[in-house]
Protein backbone atom coordinates (compact mmCIF):
# COMPACT_ATOMS: atom_id res chain seq x y z
CA UNK A 1 118.56 110.52 87.79
CA UNK A 2 119.77 110.86 91.32
CA UNK A 3 118.03 109.68 94.39
CA UNK A 4 116.52 112.01 96.94
CA UNK A 5 116.77 111.67 100.45
CA UNK A 6 114.62 112.60 103.28
CA UNK A 7 116.25 112.96 106.86
CA UNK A 8 113.65 112.77 109.58
CA UNK A 9 113.43 113.57 112.97
CA UNK A 10 115.72 116.46 112.77
CA UNK A 11 115.75 118.43 116.10
CA UNK A 12 118.32 120.77 116.78
CA UNK A 13 119.66 123.63 114.79
CA UNK A 14 123.10 121.63 114.13
CA UNK A 15 121.03 119.03 112.75
CA UNK A 16 119.00 121.23 110.18
CA UNK A 17 122.30 122.40 109.02
CA UNK A 18 123.92 119.66 108.55
CA UNK A 19 121.07 118.43 106.20
CA UNK A 20 120.96 121.17 104.47
CA UNK A 21 125.10 121.31 104.03
CA UNK A 22 124.82 117.45 102.87
CA UNK A 23 122.05 118.08 100.08
CA UNK A 24 118.72 115.91 100.70
CA UNK A 25 115.99 116.68 99.14
CA UNK A 26 113.22 116.50 102.02
CA UNK A 27 113.91 117.20 106.32
CA UNK A 28 111.34 115.59 108.39
CA UNK A 29 109.93 117.16 112.16
CA UNK A 30 108.20 114.96 114.51
CA UNK A 31 105.03 115.78 116.40
CA UNK A 32 104.95 112.40 118.73
CA UNK A 33 105.31 112.24 122.01
CA UNK A 34 107.00 109.13 122.48
CA UNK A 35 109.44 109.39 120.13
CA UNK A 36 112.65 110.39 121.18
CA UNK A 37 112.54 112.67 118.04
CA UNK A 38 109.34 114.76 118.86
CA UNK A 39 109.46 118.73 118.83
CA UNK A 40 107.18 120.75 120.58
CA UNK A 41 105.13 123.17 118.27
CA UNK A 42 107.48 125.97 118.93
CA UNK A 43 110.75 124.14 118.45
CA UNK A 44 109.12 122.73 115.06
CA UNK A 45 108.40 125.97 113.73
CA UNK A 46 111.95 127.69 114.13
CA UNK A 47 113.33 124.49 112.83
CA UNK A 48 110.85 124.84 109.82
CA UNK A 49 112.19 128.57 109.25
CA UNK A 50 115.45 127.61 109.13
CA UNK A 51 114.79 124.96 106.41
CA UNK A 52 112.32 126.33 104.24
CA UNK A 53 112.81 127.10 100.53
CA UNK A 54 115.94 124.60 100.94
CA UNK A 55 114.22 121.44 101.09
CA UNK A 56 110.58 120.23 101.29
CA UNK A 57 109.40 119.52 105.06
CA UNK A 58 107.42 117.10 106.10
CA UNK A 59 105.28 116.73 109.16
CA UNK A 60 105.32 113.56 111.07
CA UNK A 61 102.19 112.73 112.92
CA UNK A 62 100.50 109.21 114.63
CA UNK A 63 96.50 109.17 114.65
CA UNK A 64 96.70 112.49 115.36
CA UNK A 65 93.80 115.04 116.01
CA UNK A 66 92.37 117.60 114.20
CA UNK A 67 92.72 120.55 116.64
CA UNK A 68 96.79 119.34 116.62
CA UNK A 69 96.47 118.96 112.94
CA UNK A 70 95.53 122.43 112.70
CA UNK A 71 98.05 123.59 115.04
CA UNK A 72 101.11 122.33 113.46
CA UNK A 73 100.15 123.67 109.78
CA UNK A 74 99.29 126.97 111.22
CA UNK A 75 102.69 127.05 113.21
CA UNK A 76 104.89 124.96 111.19
CA UNK A 77 103.37 125.47 107.62
CA UNK A 78 104.61 121.99 106.73
CA UNK A 79 104.95 121.11 102.50
CA UNK A 80 103.15 117.65 103.90
CA UNK A 81 101.79 115.87 106.55
CA UNK A 82 103.72 112.54 106.80
CA UNK A 83 100.69 109.96 108.41
CA UNK A 84 102.60 107.55 110.48
CA UNK A 85 99.71 105.39 112.03
CA UNK A 86 96.70 103.75 111.81
CA UNK A 87 94.76 106.24 109.60
CA UNK A 88 92.62 104.17 106.79
CA UNK A 89 91.85 105.84 103.99
CA UNK A 90 88.88 108.04 104.72
CA UNK A 91 91.06 109.48 107.44
CA UNK A 92 93.60 110.69 104.95
CA UNK A 93 90.85 111.97 102.39
CA UNK A 94 89.93 114.06 105.54
CA UNK A 95 92.70 115.30 106.44
CA UNK A 96 94.04 116.18 102.74
CA UNK A 97 91.05 117.87 102.38
CA UNK A 98 90.83 119.85 105.42
CA UNK A 99 93.82 121.23 106.11
CA UNK A 100 94.68 121.68 101.86
CA UNK A 101 98.46 119.87 102.46
CA UNK A 102 99.80 117.26 100.40
CA UNK A 103 100.05 113.77 102.27
CA UNK A 104 102.62 111.07 102.48
CA UNK A 105 101.13 107.58 104.28
CA UNK A 106 103.77 105.84 105.74
CA UNK A 107 102.61 101.55 105.59
CA UNK A 108 104.26 98.93 107.77
CA UNK A 109 105.80 96.03 105.39
CA UNK A 110 106.52 92.67 107.07
CA UNK A 111 105.48 90.63 103.98
CA UNK A 112 104.79 91.16 100.45
CA UNK A 113 100.91 91.20 100.96
CA UNK A 114 101.49 94.35 102.99
CA UNK A 115 102.11 96.32 99.82
CA UNK A 116 98.40 95.41 98.67
CA UNK A 117 97.55 97.95 101.25
CA UNK A 118 98.30 100.98 98.91
CA UNK A 119 95.04 99.86 96.85
CA UNK A 120 93.24 101.79 99.23
CA UNK A 121 94.98 105.32 99.49
CA UNK A 122 96.26 105.23 95.57
CA UNK A 123 93.67 108.02 94.89
CA UNK A 124 93.99 109.77 98.28
CA UNK A 125 98.10 110.10 98.93
CA UNK A 126 100.43 112.00 97.33
CA UNK A 127 103.30 109.87 98.28
CA UNK A 128 104.22 106.45 100.08
CA UNK A 129 106.56 105.51 102.56
CA UNK A 130 107.30 101.90 102.94
CA UNK A 131 108.61 101.43 106.86
CA UNK A 132 109.32 98.02 108.54
CA UNK A 133 106.36 96.66 110.27
CA UNK A 134 107.41 97.35 114.14
CA UNK A 135 107.12 94.59 116.81
CA UNK A 136 103.92 93.55 118.70
CA UNK A 137 105.04 95.85 121.80
CA UNK A 138 106.47 98.59 120.28
CA UNK A 139 105.25 102.11 121.29
CA UNK A 140 105.57 104.09 118.42
CA UNK A 141 105.26 103.12 114.68
CA UNK A 142 108.80 104.21 113.13
CA UNK A 143 112.33 104.93 114.04
CA UNK A 144 113.20 101.75 115.48
CA UNK A 145 116.16 100.89 113.25
CA UNK A 146 114.85 97.71 111.90
CA UNK A 147 114.44 96.86 108.15
CA UNK A 148 112.33 94.69 106.08
CA UNK A 149 113.26 92.14 102.97
CA UNK A 150 113.59 94.69 100.47
CA UNK A 151 113.73 92.52 97.49
CA UNK A 152 109.59 92.27 98.37
CA UNK A 153 109.91 95.54 96.42
CA UNK A 154 112.02 95.14 93.45
CA UNK A 155 109.62 95.13 90.19
CA UNK A 156 106.82 96.45 91.90
CA UNK A 157 104.90 99.52 90.53
CA UNK A 158 102.99 101.73 92.39
CA UNK A 159 100.58 104.62 91.36
CA UNK A 160 102.24 107.07 93.50
CA UNK A 161 105.86 108.11 94.25
CA UNK A 162 107.29 105.89 97.10
CA UNK A 163 110.10 106.06 100.08
CA UNK A 164 111.97 103.02 101.27
CA UNK A 165 112.54 103.75 105.12
CA UNK A 166 113.52 101.10 108.06
CA UNK A 167 116.86 100.18 108.98
CA UNK A 168 118.75 102.46 106.63
CA UNK A 169 122.13 103.90 107.31
CA UNK A 170 125.42 104.63 105.46
CA UNK A 171 126.66 101.34 104.95
CA UNK A 172 123.81 99.88 103.43
CA UNK A 173 121.63 102.58 101.67
CA UNK A 174 123.30 101.85 98.45
CA UNK A 175 122.38 98.35 98.64
CA UNK A 176 118.88 98.73 99.74
CA UNK A 177 118.31 101.08 96.40
CA UNK A 178 120.08 98.57 94.37
CA UNK A 179 117.72 95.62 95.83
CA UNK A 180 114.13 97.55 96.10
CA UNK A 181 114.68 99.87 92.95
CA UNK A 182 113.99 102.58 95.32
CA UNK A 183 114.34 106.26 93.87
CA UNK A 184 113.76 107.86 96.99
CA UNK A 185 114.94 106.73 100.35
CA UNK A 186 113.87 108.02 104.52
CA UNK A 187 116.37 107.70 106.99
CA UNK A 188 116.15 108.78 110.68
CA UNK A 189 117.84 106.16 113.94
CA UNK A 190 120.38 105.09 111.13
CA UNK A 191 121.97 108.58 111.24
CA UNK A 192 122.50 109.45 114.85
CA UNK A 193 125.11 108.64 117.70
CA UNK A 194 122.31 107.84 120.19
CA UNK A 195 118.39 107.83 119.95
CA UNK A 196 117.45 111.35 118.73
CA UNK A 197 121.08 112.91 118.37
CA UNK A 198 121.97 113.46 115.07
CA UNK A 199 125.38 112.82 113.61
CA UNK A 200 127.05 114.98 111.11
CA UNK A 201 128.83 112.88 109.34
CA UNK A 202 126.74 110.48 109.16
CA UNK A 203 124.06 112.30 107.88
CA UNK A 204 126.83 113.52 104.98
CA UNK A 205 128.02 109.61 104.48
CA UNK A 206 124.26 108.60 103.97
CA UNK A 207 123.12 111.11 101.78
CA UNK A 208 126.96 110.78 98.98
CA UNK A 209 126.32 107.04 99.67
CA UNK A 210 122.44 106.99 98.31
CA UNK A 211 123.14 109.73 95.87
CA UNK A 212 126.02 107.37 94.24
CA UNK A 213 123.29 105.25 92.94
CA UNK A 214 121.62 106.58 89.82
CA UNK A 215 118.02 105.50 88.94
CA UNK A 216 116.89 105.37 84.95
């Protein structure tokens, strides 16, 4: 089956339209003030309506409060919450139960032992997203364009579907899929011309390159 693609950090109507034209399955909206892709609730709601029903929408949040999550759920109406902070299993379960939305739990990866953290979330999260661990002085947990050793994922089995993220771009995504065995990939900065500025051409190139790889 073709690899599924998620374009994250969509922050304009033009970017939303480019993602839809390219044929991605997932679109990510970021609600984290420290990100150059951050959206207000009003901006997020407008973009969500533009894409709704044509792809699966994720709302990326980082260690967010219940009040803010409630506002995002009510106004943006995403298909998933993507929890990209230090949310422990109890917090993930609380969010999933309170808001009734499926959850993608992002996990930072620097070494093989980091993959064992999935065990605590297996009965709670609906999907995993494996991203490169940020530098110690980083101000945000993702979107840096850094990669980890994809070989760590090769042959590994998880109880939930998972995305490969971190440092992907149109030039390396086919190799990343081949090395890691990923069936879903996520990109943000790798399809930008500058931080927070999505490139129509690179979005199309990324989706084409990813979908040339067919998983058994």
